[in-house]
Structures are given as structure tokens and as C-alpha cells.
Amino acid sequence: MARTPDPLTRSRILDAADRLLARDGFRRMTIEGVAGEAGVGKGSVYLHFESKEDVALSCLDRMAEGVVRELGTLASSPGTPAQRLRSMLCSRVLMRFDYAKRHAPSIDEKLAVMRQALLERRSAHFAEEARLVAKLVAEGQADGSFRADPPAETSARAMVTATNALLPYSLSVRELGRRAALSTRLDELVELLLAGLGHPGPAVRKSPTRSRRSS
């Protein structure tokens, strides 16, 4: 009887791969090594993944899915649309930074080997994040927090594209730098993006988004 993939085993394999990517880098990681680290047979890895590249890409997919879940949580949390949008834009960058810092030996290697596949996966991830951002922008437009135009979808795509400039895989390992420095640059960028959404006058001057994020 043929075995079927198991979600728990799949997660266990990805956990092991994440550890190996952080420790050894993509080039040195092997399917045999992933199997040994996960405590499963090599056949179990191939039951869940087609190749070493598929394992690494699936690690990134899982991280991106976590980002989407966090953005959904932030979008429905208490606070004004501007406050929630600020948290969402900052979180989508900083969560990826924290993940990439653990995988610094692998970033340039994965770019060299899997650039096209990475770009395709990222495009799908960003589209889902833009959908959540657009929903919140539309809420802010409806209650008068944000300008009524351009359309929410257009603003959301622009904000995702702008903050993408500070993401890992847009920056080299050296350019990633320190989290505090990235947070400062991110704060400055998000302030500009939010100002572009707000009405001129008191609504912008009184915006709680002027406070600095401490992370």
C-alpha cells in the first residue's frame, strides 16, 4: 500500500531543513542530511518533496504563509486603519528580516540557483499580502481616514512594492545590516506611504502613526 504525505512529517522535515539552511547553507544541504536531521528516512523526504530545491522553496513558502497569517491578525486588531496598516507594512518586512538573518549563508546561494522559482513564489506571496492591505485601505477610505482615490488595490500594490525594497532577497547579506537600522529606514518609508494616503490638514497632523515603532 502506497504511503501518503503526512502534514506532521512534512512540518518536521521543514523544521530540519530550516536548521540546516541556517547552519550550513543551501549548497551544503543534502536530502540525506535533511532526512537525518528530521529523524526520517530519505524516502519520506521524497514522499513530501520533489528535490532539495523544493524543500528550500517550501521553507520560504511556510515563512510567507506565516507572514500572511500575521497580517490578517493585525488587520483585524484594535486601532485605527492607519495604525493597523502601519503595523502590517512593518511586520511584513521585519518578519522576513528575522527569518533571513538566521539563513544568511543561504541567501545568495538560493538566489544564484533558484532565482526564477523564487521570483515566481514571491509574486504569489506578495499578491496575497497586497489583497489584505487593500482590504484595510478600503476600510480607511470608507470611514474617511484615507483619501478616496486612487483605488485601494492600486495603493496596496504600490505600498507592497515600495516596502519590498527593504526585503531580504532585494538586499544582499551585507546590506541587510542591523535590525534597528532597518527599522528606522522602514519607519521613514512607512511614514511617507501613510502620508500619501491621508487627507491634508488636521487628519494627518493628528495621526497616531507618527509614533515610532520600537521593534
N, C-alpha and C. Protein backbone atom coordinates (compact mmCIF):
# COMPACT_ATOMS: atom_id res chain seq x y z
N MET A 1 0.84 -1.19 0.00
CA MET A 1 0.00 0.00 0.00
C MET A 1 0.88 1.25 0.00
N ALA A 2 0.63 2.15 -0.93
CA ALA A 2 1.44 3.36 -1.05
C ALA A 2 1.21 4.28 0.15
N ARG A 3 2.30 4.87 0.61
CA ARG A 3 2.19 5.83 1.71
C ARG A 3 1.67 7.16 1.19
N THR A 4 1.03 7.88 2.06
CA THR A 4 0.52 9.21 1.71
C THR A 4 1.24 10.26 2.55
N PRO A 5 1.42 11.46 2.00
CA PRO A 5 2.08 12.52 2.76
C PRO A 5 1.37 12.80 4.07
N ASP A 6 2.15 13.14 5.08
CA ASP A 6 1.62 13.43 6.41
C ASP A 6 2.01 14.85 6.81
N PRO A 7 1.05 15.70 7.17
CA PRO A 7 1.37 17.10 7.50
C PRO A 7 2.39 17.25 8.62
N LEU A 8 2.31 16.39 9.63
CA LEU A 8 3.26 16.49 10.74
C LEU A 8 4.67 16.14 10.30
N THR A 9 4.78 15.09 9.49
CA THR A 9 6.10 14.72 8.97
C THR A 9 6.65 15.81 8.06
N ARG A 10 5.79 16.37 7.24
CA ARG A 10 6.21 17.45 6.35
C ARG A 10 6.75 18.63 7.16
N SER A 11 6.04 19.01 8.21
CA SER A 11 6.49 20.11 9.06
C SER A 11 7.81 19.77 9.74
N ARG A 12 7.97 18.54 10.15
CA ARG A 12 9.20 18.09 10.80
C ARG A 12 10.38 18.19 9.82
N ILE A 13 10.15 17.81 8.58
CA ILE A 13 11.19 17.90 7.56
C ILE A 13 11.57 19.36 7.30
N LEU A 14 10.57 20.23 7.22
CA LEU A 14 10.86 21.65 7.00
C LEU A 14 11.60 22.27 8.18
N ASP A 15 11.24 21.86 9.39
CA ASP A 15 11.98 22.33 10.57
C ASP A 15 13.45 21.95 10.46
N ALA A 16 13.69 20.70 10.06
CA ALA A 16 15.07 20.22 9.91
C ALA A 16 15.79 20.98 8.82
N ALA A 17 15.11 21.20 7.70
CA ALA A 17 15.73 21.94 6.60
C ALA A 17 16.06 23.37 7.00
N ASP A 18 15.17 24.00 7.74
CA ASP A 18 15.45 25.36 8.22
C ASP A 18 16.72 25.39 9.07
N ARG A 19 16.88 24.39 9.92
CA ARG A 19 18.09 24.35 10.76
C ARG A 19 19.34 24.17 9.91
N LEU A 20 19.27 23.30 8.91
CA LEU A 20 20.43 23.06 8.06
C LEU A 20 20.75 24.27 7.19
N LEU A 21 19.72 24.93 6.68
CA LEU A 21 19.95 26.13 5.87
C LEU A 21 20.63 27.22 6.70
N ALA A 22 20.20 27.34 7.95
CA ALA A 22 20.79 28.35 8.84
C ALA A 22 22.23 27.99 9.20
N ARG A 23 22.47 26.71 9.37
CA ARG A 23 23.79 26.27 9.84
C ARG A 23 24.80 26.08 8.72
N ASP A 24 24.37 25.45 7.62
CA ASP A 24 25.31 25.04 6.58
C ASP A 24 25.15 25.76 5.25
N GLY A 25 23.99 26.37 5.01
CA GLY A 25 23.75 26.98 3.72
C GLY A 25 23.11 26.02 2.75
N PHE A 26 22.59 26.57 1.66
CA PHE A 26 21.84 25.76 0.70
C PHE A 26 22.72 24.76 -0.03
N ARG A 27 23.89 25.17 -0.48
CA ARG A 27 24.73 24.28 -1.28
C ARG A 27 25.15 23.04 -0.50
N ARG A 28 25.43 23.19 0.77
CA ARG A 28 25.90 22.05 1.56
C ARG A 28 24.76 21.18 2.06
N MET A 29 23.54 21.70 2.04
CA MET A 29 22.41 20.90 2.48
C MET A 29 22.13 19.79 1.46
N THR A 30 21.84 18.59 1.96
CA THR A 30 21.50 17.46 1.10
C THR A 30 20.21 16.82 1.58
N ILE A 31 19.58 16.05 0.70
CA ILE A 31 18.38 15.33 1.11
C ILE A 31 18.71 14.35 2.22
N GLU A 32 19.85 13.68 2.11
CA GLU A 32 20.27 12.75 3.16
C GLU A 32 20.43 13.48 4.49
N GLY A 33 21.02 14.66 4.43
CA GLY A 33 21.21 15.44 5.65
C GLY A 33 19.90 15.88 6.25
N VAL A 34 18.95 16.29 5.40
CA VAL A 34 17.63 16.70 5.89
C VAL A 34 16.94 15.51 6.56
N ALA A 35 17.02 14.35 5.92
CA ALA A 35 16.39 13.15 6.48
C ALA A 35 16.98 12.82 7.85
N GLY A 36 18.31 12.86 7.94
CA GLY A 36 18.95 12.57 9.21
C GLY A 36 18.60 13.57 10.28
N GLU A 37 18.58 14.85 9.92
CA GLU A 37 18.24 15.90 10.89
C GLU A 37 16.80 15.77 11.37
N ALA A 38 15.92 15.34 10.46
CA ALA A 38 14.50 15.20 10.81
C ALA A 38 14.19 13.87 11.49
N GLY A 39 15.13 12.90 11.43
CA GLY A 39 14.88 11.59 12.01
C GLY A 39 13.92 10.76 11.20
N VAL A 40 13.95 10.94 9.89
CA VAL A 40 13.09 10.15 8.99
C VAL A 40 13.96 9.55 7.90
N GLY A 41 13.39 8.64 7.12
CA GLY A 41 14.11 8.06 6.02
C GLY A 41 14.17 8.99 4.83
N LYS A 42 15.16 8.76 3.97
CA LYS A 42 15.30 9.57 2.77
C LYS A 42 14.05 9.48 1.90
N GLY A 43 13.42 8.30 1.88
CA GLY A 43 12.20 8.13 1.11
C GLY A 43 11.07 9.01 1.61
N SER A 44 11.04 9.27 2.92
CA SER A 44 10.00 10.14 3.47
C SER A 44 10.15 11.57 2.98
N VAL A 45 11.39 12.00 2.82
CA VAL A 45 11.61 13.34 2.30
C VAL A 45 11.09 13.43 0.87
N TYR A 46 11.43 12.42 0.05
CA TYR A 46 10.98 12.43 -1.34
C TYR A 46 9.48 12.20 -1.47
N LEU A 47 8.86 11.61 -0.46
CA LEU A 47 7.41 11.47 -0.49
C LEU A 47 6.73 12.83 -0.39
N HIS A 48 7.37 13.76 0.33
CA HIS A 48 6.78 15.08 0.57
C HIS A 48 7.32 16.17 -0.34
N PHE A 49 8.53 15.96 -0.89
CA PHE A 49 9.17 16.99 -1.70
C PHE A 49 9.87 16.36 -2.89
N GLU A 50 9.90 17.10 -3.98
CA GLU A 50 10.47 16.57 -5.22
C GLU A 50 11.99 16.62 -5.24
N SER A 51 12.57 17.59 -4.56
CA SER A 51 14.02 17.81 -4.66
C SER A 51 14.49 18.68 -3.50
N LYS A 52 15.79 18.87 -3.44
CA LYS A 52 16.36 19.77 -2.43
C LYS A 52 15.85 21.19 -2.65
N GLU A 53 15.75 21.60 -3.92
CA GLU A 53 15.24 22.93 -4.22
C GLU A 53 13.80 23.08 -3.73
N ASP A 54 13.00 22.04 -3.91
CA ASP A 54 11.61 22.08 -3.47
C ASP A 54 11.52 22.21 -1.95
N VAL A 55 12.42 21.54 -1.25
CA VAL A 55 12.46 21.66 0.21
C VAL A 55 12.74 23.12 0.61
N ALA A 56 13.77 23.71 -0.01
CA ALA A 56 14.14 25.08 0.35
C ALA A 56 13.03 26.07 0.00
N LEU A 57 12.42 25.90 -1.17
CA LEU A 57 11.33 26.79 -1.55
C LEU A 57 10.13 26.62 -0.63
N SER A 58 9.89 25.41 -0.18
CA SER A 58 8.77 25.16 0.72
C SER A 58 9.02 25.79 2.09
N CYS A 59 10.28 25.86 2.50
CA CYS A 59 10.60 26.57 3.74
C CYS A 59 10.21 28.04 3.61
N LEU A 60 10.52 28.63 2.45
CA LEU A 60 10.16 30.02 2.22
C LEU A 60 8.65 30.20 2.13
N ASP A 61 7.98 29.24 1.50
CA ASP A 61 6.52 29.30 1.42
C ASP A 61 5.91 29.30 2.83
N ARG A 62 6.44 28.43 3.68
CA ARG A 62 5.89 28.34 5.04
C ARG A 62 6.10 29.64 5.80
N MET A 63 7.28 30.24 5.64
CA MET A 63 7.53 31.53 6.28
C MET A 63 6.55 32.57 5.76
N ALA A 64 6.35 32.62 4.43
CA ALA A 64 5.45 33.60 3.83
C ALA A 64 4.01 33.39 4.28
N GLU A 65 3.62 32.14 4.45
CA GLU A 65 2.27 31.85 4.96
C GLU A 65 2.11 32.39 6.37
N GLY A 66 3.19 32.31 7.15
CA GLY A 66 3.15 32.89 8.49
C GLY A 66 3.01 34.40 8.46
N VAL A 67 3.66 35.03 7.49
CA VAL A 67 3.53 36.48 7.32
C VAL A 67 2.08 36.84 7.00
N VAL A 68 1.47 36.10 6.09
CA VAL A 68 0.08 36.37 5.71
C VAL A 68 -0.85 36.21 6.92
N ARG A 69 -0.62 35.17 7.70
CA ARG A 69 -1.46 34.98 8.90
C ARG A 69 -1.31 36.15 9.86
N GLU A 70 -0.07 36.61 10.04
CA GLU A 70 0.17 37.73 10.94
C GLU A 70 -0.49 39.00 10.42
N LEU A 71 -0.41 39.22 9.12
CA LEU A 71 -1.05 40.41 8.55
C LEU A 71 -2.56 40.35 8.73
N GLY A 72 -3.13 39.16 8.58
CA GLY A 72 -4.57 39.02 8.80
C GLY A 72 -4.95 39.32 10.24
N THR A 73 -4.11 38.88 11.18
CA THR A 73 -4.36 39.16 12.59
C THR A 73 -4.27 40.66 12.86
N LEU A 74 -3.23 41.30 12.32
CA LEU A 74 -3.05 42.74 12.53
C LEU A 74 -4.18 43.54 11.89
N ALA A 75 -4.64 43.09 10.73
CA ALA A 75 -5.70 43.82 10.04
C ALA A 75 -6.99 43.85 10.84
N SER A 76 -7.24 42.80 11.64
CA SER A 76 -8.47 42.72 12.41
C SER A 76 -8.28 43.11 13.88
N SER A 77 -7.10 43.62 14.22
CA SER A 77 -6.82 44.00 15.60
C SER A 77 -7.41 45.38 15.90
N PRO A 78 -7.46 45.77 17.18
CA PRO A 78 -7.97 47.11 17.53
C PRO A 78 -7.06 48.20 16.97
N GLY A 79 -7.62 49.38 16.81
CA GLY A 79 -6.84 50.52 16.34
C GLY A 79 -7.42 51.12 15.08
N THR A 80 -6.93 52.30 14.73
CA THR A 80 -7.39 52.97 13.53
C THR A 80 -6.85 52.24 12.30
N PRO A 81 -7.43 52.46 11.13
CA PRO A 81 -6.88 51.87 9.91
C PRO A 81 -5.41 52.22 9.71
N ALA A 82 -5.03 53.47 10.00
CA ALA A 82 -3.63 53.88 9.83
C ALA A 82 -2.71 53.12 10.77
N GLN A 83 -3.11 52.95 12.03
CA GLN A 83 -2.29 52.22 12.99
C GLN A 83 -2.11 50.77 12.55
N ARG A 84 -3.20 50.15 12.12
CA ARG A 84 -3.12 48.75 11.71
C ARG A 84 -2.32 48.58 10.43
N LEU A 85 -2.49 49.51 9.51
CA LEU A 85 -1.75 49.44 8.26
C LEU A 85 -0.26 49.62 8.50
N ARG A 86 0.07 50.52 9.40
CA ARG A 86 1.48 50.72 9.75
C ARG A 86 2.09 49.44 10.29
N SER A 87 1.39 48.78 11.20
CA SER A 87 1.88 47.52 11.76
C SER A 87 2.04 46.45 10.69
N MET A 88 1.10 46.40 9.77
CA MET A 88 1.16 45.40 8.71
C MET A 88 2.37 45.62 7.81
N LEU A 89 2.59 46.85 7.38
CA LEU A 89 3.70 47.13 6.49
C LEU A 89 5.05 46.88 7.16
N CYS A 90 5.15 47.25 8.43
CA CYS A 90 6.40 47.00 9.16
C CYS A 90 6.61 45.50 9.39
N SER A 91 5.57 44.81 9.75
CA SER A 91 5.70 43.39 10.08
C SER A 91 6.09 42.56 8.87
N ARG A 92 5.57 42.87 7.69
CA ARG A 92 5.87 42.07 6.51
C ARG A 92 7.37 42.15 6.16
N VAL A 93 8.00 43.26 6.51
CA VAL A 93 9.44 43.40 6.28
C VAL A 93 10.24 42.77 7.40
N LEU A 94 9.89 43.09 8.65
CA LEU A 94 10.70 42.64 9.78
C LEU A 94 10.61 41.14 10.01
N MET A 95 9.47 40.53 9.73
CA MET A 95 9.37 39.08 9.87
C MET A 95 10.30 38.38 8.87
N ARG A 96 10.37 38.91 7.66
CA ARG A 96 11.27 38.32 6.68
C ARG A 96 12.73 38.59 7.02
N PHE A 97 12.99 39.75 7.59
CA PHE A 97 14.36 40.06 8.02
C PHE A 97 14.81 39.06 9.08
N ASP A 98 13.97 38.83 10.09
CA ASP A 98 14.33 37.92 11.16
C ASP A 98 14.59 36.51 10.62
N TYR A 99 13.79 36.08 9.66
CA TYR A 99 13.99 34.76 9.06
C TYR A 99 15.28 34.74 8.26
N ALA A 100 15.51 35.76 7.46
CA ALA A 100 16.68 35.79 6.60
C ALA A 100 17.98 35.88 7.39
N LYS A 101 17.97 36.60 8.50
CA LYS A 101 19.17 36.72 9.32
C LYS A 101 19.64 35.35 9.81
N ARG A 102 18.69 34.46 10.10
CA ARG A 102 19.05 33.12 10.53
C ARG A 102 19.60 32.29 9.37
N HIS A 103 19.26 32.70 8.14
CA HIS A 103 19.64 31.94 6.96
C HIS A 103 20.64 32.70 6.09
N ALA A 104 21.40 33.59 6.69
CA ALA A 104 22.32 34.42 5.91
C ALA A 104 23.24 33.62 4.99
N PRO A 105 23.77 32.45 5.41
CA PRO A 105 24.65 31.70 4.50
C PRO A 105 23.94 31.23 3.24
N SER A 106 22.60 31.18 3.25
CA SER A 106 21.86 30.60 2.13
C SER A 106 21.30 31.63 1.15
N ILE A 107 21.24 32.88 1.55
CA ILE A 107 20.52 33.86 0.74
C ILE A 107 21.10 33.97 -0.67
N ASP A 108 22.39 34.28 -0.77
CA ASP A 108 22.99 34.46 -2.09
C ASP A 108 23.03 33.15 -2.86
N GLU A 109 23.20 32.02 -2.16
CA GLU A 109 23.22 30.72 -2.82
C GLU A 109 21.87 30.40 -3.45
N LYS A 110 20.81 30.64 -2.70
CA LYS A 110 19.48 30.35 -3.23
C LYS A 110 19.15 31.27 -4.40
N LEU A 111 19.58 32.52 -4.32
CA LEU A 111 19.35 33.44 -5.42
C LEU A 111 20.04 32.95 -6.69
N ALA A 112 21.26 32.45 -6.52
CA ALA A 112 22.03 32.00 -7.68
C ALA A 112 21.43 30.76 -8.33
N VAL A 113 20.90 29.86 -7.51
CA VAL A 113 20.43 28.57 -8.02
C VAL A 113 18.96 28.60 -8.41
N MET A 114 18.14 29.36 -7.68
CA MET A 114 16.69 29.26 -7.84
C MET A 114 16.03 30.61 -8.06
N ARG A 115 16.72 31.53 -8.71
CA ARG A 115 16.20 32.89 -8.83
C ARG A 115 14.80 32.92 -9.45
N GLN A 116 14.61 32.25 -10.58
CA GLN A 116 13.32 32.32 -11.26
C GLN A 116 12.20 31.73 -10.41
N ALA A 117 12.47 30.57 -9.79
CA ALA A 117 11.46 29.94 -8.94
C ALA A 117 11.14 30.82 -7.73
N LEU A 118 12.17 31.45 -7.17
CA LEU A 118 11.95 32.34 -6.03
C LEU A 118 11.08 33.52 -6.43
N LEU A 119 11.37 34.11 -7.60
CA LEU A 119 10.60 35.26 -8.04
C LEU A 119 9.14 34.89 -8.26
N GLU A 120 8.90 33.72 -8.81
CA GLU A 120 7.52 33.30 -9.05
C GLU A 120 6.77 33.08 -7.74
N ARG A 121 7.42 32.44 -6.78
CA ARG A 121 6.79 32.21 -5.48
C ARG A 121 6.53 33.53 -4.77
N ARG A 122 7.52 34.41 -4.82
CA ARG A 122 7.37 35.70 -4.14
C ARG A 122 6.22 36.49 -4.73
N SER A 123 6.05 36.43 -6.04
CA SER A 123 4.96 37.15 -6.68
C SER A 123 3.61 36.73 -6.13
N ALA A 124 3.44 35.42 -5.94
CA ALA A 124 2.18 34.92 -5.38
C ALA A 124 2.01 35.36 -3.93
N HIS A 125 3.08 35.31 -3.16
CA HIS A 125 3.02 35.74 -1.76
C HIS A 125 2.64 37.22 -1.67
N PHE A 126 3.30 38.04 -2.48
CA PHE A 126 3.06 39.48 -2.42
C PHE A 126 1.63 39.82 -2.84
N ALA A 127 1.10 39.08 -3.79
CA ALA A 127 -0.27 39.34 -4.23
C ALA A 127 -1.26 39.11 -3.09
N GLU A 128 -1.03 38.07 -2.30
CA GLU A 128 -1.92 37.79 -1.17
C GLU A 128 -1.77 38.87 -0.10
N GLU A 129 -0.55 39.33 0.14
CA GLU A 129 -0.35 40.39 1.12
C GLU A 129 -0.99 41.69 0.64
N ALA A 130 -0.87 41.98 -0.65
CA ALA A 130 -1.48 43.19 -1.20
C ALA A 130 -3.00 43.13 -1.07
N ARG A 131 -3.58 41.94 -1.19
CA ARG A 131 -5.02 41.80 -1.04
C ARG A 131 -5.46 42.19 0.37
N LEU A 132 -4.70 41.77 1.38
CA LEU A 132 -5.04 42.12 2.76
C LEU A 132 -4.84 43.61 3.01
N VAL A 133 -3.77 44.17 2.46
CA VAL A 133 -3.54 45.61 2.61
C VAL A 133 -4.66 46.40 1.94
N ALA A 134 -5.07 45.97 0.75
CA ALA A 134 -6.13 46.67 0.03
C ALA A 134 -7.44 46.67 0.81
N LYS A 135 -7.72 45.58 1.46
CA LYS A 135 -8.95 45.48 2.25
C LYS A 135 -8.95 46.51 3.37
N LEU A 136 -7.79 46.70 4.01
CA LEU A 136 -7.69 47.67 5.10
C LEU A 136 -7.72 49.10 4.55
N VAL A 137 -7.05 49.33 3.42
CA VAL A 137 -7.10 50.66 2.81
C VAL A 137 -8.54 51.02 2.46
N ALA A 138 -9.29 50.06 1.92
CA ALA A 138 -10.69 50.31 1.58
C ALA A 138 -11.50 50.65 2.82
N GLU A 139 -11.20 50.00 3.93
CA GLU A 139 -11.88 50.33 5.19
C GLU A 139 -11.57 51.77 5.60
N GLY A 140 -10.30 52.17 5.47
CA GLY A 140 -9.93 53.53 5.82
C GLY A 140 -10.55 54.55 4.89
N GLN A 141 -10.69 54.21 3.62
CA GLN A 141 -11.36 55.11 2.68
C GLN A 141 -12.83 55.27 3.03
N ALA A 142 -13.45 54.17 3.45
CA ALA A 142 -14.87 54.21 3.78
C ALA A 142 -15.16 55.07 5.00
N ASP A 143 -14.25 55.07 5.98
CA ASP A 143 -14.52 55.86 7.19
C ASP A 143 -13.86 57.24 7.16
N GLY A 144 -13.24 57.59 6.03
CA GLY A 144 -12.65 58.92 5.89
C GLY A 144 -11.24 59.05 6.39
N SER A 145 -10.61 57.96 6.83
CA SER A 145 -9.23 58.03 7.31
C SER A 145 -8.26 58.27 6.17
N PHE A 146 -8.57 57.71 5.00
CA PHE A 146 -7.69 57.82 3.84
C PHE A 146 -8.42 58.49 2.68
N ARG A 147 -7.66 58.99 1.74
CA ARG A 147 -8.23 59.56 0.53
C ARG A 147 -9.08 58.53 -0.20
N ALA A 148 -10.07 59.01 -0.90
CA ALA A 148 -10.97 58.10 -1.62
C ALA A 148 -10.34 57.56 -2.90
N ASP A 149 -9.28 58.20 -3.37
CA ASP A 149 -8.60 57.70 -4.55
C ASP A 149 -7.10 57.91 -4.37
N PRO A 150 -6.27 57.10 -5.02
CA PRO A 150 -6.61 56.10 -6.02
C PRO A 150 -7.31 54.89 -5.40
N PRO A 151 -7.75 53.94 -6.22
CA PRO A 151 -8.43 52.76 -5.69
C PRO A 151 -7.55 52.02 -4.67
N ALA A 152 -8.20 51.37 -3.73
CA ALA A 152 -7.49 50.67 -2.66
C ALA A 152 -6.48 49.66 -3.21
N GLU A 153 -6.87 48.95 -4.27
CA GLU A 153 -5.98 47.94 -4.85
C GLU A 153 -4.71 48.57 -5.40
N THR A 154 -4.85 49.74 -6.02
CA THR A 154 -3.69 50.45 -6.57
C THR A 154 -2.76 50.90 -5.46
N SER A 155 -3.31 51.48 -4.40
CA SER A 155 -2.50 51.92 -3.26
C SER A 155 -1.80 50.75 -2.61
N ALA A 156 -2.51 49.64 -2.46
CA ALA A 156 -1.94 48.47 -1.81
C ALA A 156 -0.76 47.92 -2.60
N ARG A 157 -0.91 47.80 -3.90
CA ARG A 157 0.20 47.31 -4.72
C ARG A 157 1.40 48.24 -4.62
N ALA A 158 1.15 49.53 -4.61
CA ALA A 158 2.25 50.50 -4.52
C ALA A 158 2.97 50.38 -3.18
N MET A 159 2.23 50.20 -2.09
CA MET A 159 2.85 50.10 -0.77
C MET A 159 3.64 48.81 -0.62
N VAL A 160 3.12 47.72 -1.17
CA VAL A 160 3.86 46.46 -1.13
C VAL A 160 5.13 46.58 -1.97
N THR A 161 5.03 47.16 -3.14
CA THR A 161 6.21 47.34 -3.99
C THR A 161 7.25 48.23 -3.32
N ALA A 162 6.81 49.30 -2.68
CA ALA A 162 7.75 50.22 -2.03
C ALA A 162 8.48 49.54 -0.88
N THR A 163 7.75 48.83 -0.03
CA THR A 163 8.40 48.18 1.12
C THR A 163 9.21 46.97 0.70
N ASN A 164 8.94 46.43 -0.49
CA ASN A 164 9.76 45.32 -0.98
C ASN A 164 11.23 45.70 -1.13
N ALA A 165 11.50 46.98 -1.31
CA ALA A 165 12.88 47.44 -1.48
C ALA A 165 13.73 47.15 -0.24
N LEU A 166 13.08 46.95 0.90
CA LEU A 166 13.81 46.69 2.15
C LEU A 166 13.77 45.21 2.54
N LEU A 167 13.25 44.37 1.67
CA LEU A 167 13.17 42.95 1.98
C LEU A 167 14.48 42.22 1.70
N PRO A 168 14.74 41.14 2.44
CA PRO A 168 15.81 40.23 2.05
C PRO A 168 15.52 39.72 0.63
N TYR A 169 16.55 39.37 -0.07
CA TYR A 169 16.47 38.96 -1.48
C TYR A 169 16.36 40.18 -2.39
N SER A 170 16.07 41.36 -1.84
CA SER A 170 16.27 42.61 -2.57
C SER A 170 17.61 43.20 -2.12
N LEU A 171 17.97 42.91 -0.87
CA LEU A 171 19.24 43.37 -0.32
C LEU A 171 20.20 42.19 -0.19
N SER A 172 21.49 42.46 -0.32
CA SER A 172 22.48 41.42 -0.11
C SER A 172 22.61 41.14 1.38
N VAL A 173 23.36 40.08 1.72
CA VAL A 173 23.58 39.77 3.14
C VAL A 173 24.22 40.95 3.85
N ARG A 174 25.20 41.58 3.19
CA ARG A 174 25.87 42.74 3.80
C ARG A 174 24.90 43.89 3.99
N GLU A 175 24.05 44.11 2.99
CA GLU A 175 23.13 45.24 3.03
C GLU A 175 22.00 45.05 4.04
N LEU A 176 21.75 43.82 4.47
CA LEU A 176 20.69 43.59 5.47
C LEU A 176 20.96 44.40 6.73
N GLY A 177 22.23 44.41 7.17
CA GLY A 177 22.60 45.22 8.31
C GLY A 177 21.91 44.81 9.60
N ARG A 178 21.77 45.77 10.50
CA ARG A 178 21.17 45.52 11.80
C ARG A 178 19.67 45.79 11.78
N ARG A 179 18.97 45.08 12.65
CA ARG A 179 17.51 45.21 12.70
C ARG A 179 17.09 46.64 13.06
N ALA A 180 17.80 47.25 14.03
CA ALA A 180 17.44 48.60 14.46
C ALA A 180 17.58 49.59 13.32
N ALA A 181 18.64 49.44 12.52
CA ALA A 181 18.85 50.35 11.40
C ALA A 181 17.76 50.14 10.34
N LEU A 182 17.42 48.89 10.10
CA LEU A 182 16.35 48.59 9.14
C LEU A 182 15.03 49.15 9.64
N SER A 183 14.75 49.03 10.93
CA SER A 183 13.50 49.54 11.49
C SER A 183 13.39 51.05 11.29
N THR A 184 14.50 51.75 11.44
CA THR A 184 14.49 53.20 11.24
C THR A 184 14.17 53.55 9.79
N ARG A 185 14.82 52.87 8.87
CA ARG A 185 14.55 53.10 7.45
C ARG A 185 13.11 52.74 7.11
N LEU A 186 12.63 51.67 7.70
CA LEU A 186 11.26 51.22 7.45
C LEU A 186 10.25 52.23 7.99
N ASP A 187 10.50 52.73 9.18
CA ASP A 187 9.63 53.75 9.77
C ASP A 187 9.52 54.96 8.85
N GLU A 188 10.66 55.41 8.34
CA GLU A 188 10.66 56.59 7.47
C GLU A 188 9.86 56.34 6.20
N LEU A 189 10.03 55.16 5.63
CA LEU A 189 9.31 54.83 4.39
C LEU A 189 7.81 54.72 4.64
N VAL A 190 7.44 54.03 5.71
CA VAL A 190 6.02 53.84 6.00
C VAL A 190 5.35 55.17 6.33
N GLU A 191 6.06 56.08 7.01
CA GLU A 191 5.50 57.41 7.28
C GLU A 191 5.14 58.10 5.97
N LEU A 192 6.01 58.01 4.98
CA LEU A 192 5.74 58.65 3.69
C LEU A 192 4.54 58.00 2.99
N LEU A 193 4.47 56.67 3.05
CA LEU A 193 3.37 55.97 2.41
C LEU A 193 2.03 56.31 3.06
N LEU A 194 2.01 56.38 4.38
CA LEU A 194 0.78 56.71 5.08
C LEU A 194 0.38 58.17 4.83
N ALA A 195 1.37 59.05 4.76
CA ALA A 195 1.06 60.46 4.48
C ALA A 195 0.41 60.59 3.11
N GLY A 196 0.82 59.74 2.17
CA GLY A 196 0.23 59.78 0.86
C GLY A 196 -1.21 59.32 0.82
N LEU A 197 -1.62 58.56 1.82
CA LEU A 197 -3.00 58.09 1.90
C LEU A 197 -3.91 59.05 2.64
N GLY A 198 -3.34 59.87 3.52
CA GLY A 198 -4.16 60.68 4.41
C GLY A 198 -4.64 61.97 3.77
N HIS A 199 -5.70 62.55 4.36
CA HIS A 199 -6.19 63.85 3.92
C HIS A 199 -5.23 64.94 4.40
N PRO A 200 -5.05 66.01 3.65
CA PRO A 200 -4.21 67.12 4.13
C PRO A 200 -4.87 67.81 5.32
N GLY A 201 -4.06 68.38 6.17
CA GLY A 201 -4.61 69.13 7.29
C GLY A 201 -4.61 68.34 8.60
N PRO A 202 -5.55 68.65 9.51
CA PRO A 202 -5.55 68.07 10.85
C PRO A 202 -5.58 66.56 10.87
N ALA A 203 -6.23 65.94 9.90
CA ALA A 203 -6.34 64.48 9.94
C ALA A 203 -4.98 63.84 9.90
N VAL A 204 -4.05 64.43 9.15
CA VAL A 204 -2.71 63.88 9.08
C VAL A 204 -1.90 64.29 10.30
N ARG A 205 -2.03 65.55 10.72
CA ARG A 205 -1.23 66.02 11.86
C ARG A 205 -1.59 65.29 13.14
N LYS A 206 -2.83 64.86 13.27
CA LYS A 206 -3.24 64.18 14.49
C LYS A 206 -3.08 62.67 14.41
N SER A 207 -2.55 62.17 13.28
CA SER A 207 -2.48 60.73 13.07
C SER A 207 -1.61 60.07 14.12
N PRO A 208 -2.10 59.00 14.76
CA PRO A 208 -1.28 58.28 15.74
C PRO A 208 -0.14 57.54 15.10
N THR A 209 -0.09 57.45 13.77
CA THR A 209 1.00 56.74 13.11
C THR A 209 2.29 57.51 13.18
N ARG A 210 2.30 58.72 13.72
CA ARG A 210 3.55 59.46 13.83
C ARG A 210 4.45 58.88 14.92
N SER A 211 3.89 58.08 15.82
CA SER A 211 4.71 57.48 16.87
C SER A 211 5.64 56.45 16.25
N ARG A 212 6.80 56.27 16.84
CA ARG A 212 7.80 55.35 16.34
C ARG A 212 7.54 53.94 16.84
N ARG A 213 7.71 52.97 15.94
CA ARG A 213 7.62 51.56 16.33
C ARG A 213 8.94 51.18 16.99
N SER A 214 8.87 50.50 18.10
CA SER A 214 10.07 50.21 18.86
C SER A 214 10.83 49.01 18.37
N SER A 215 10.18 48.12 17.59
CA SER A 215 10.85 46.90 17.16
C SER A 215 11.92 47.19 16.13
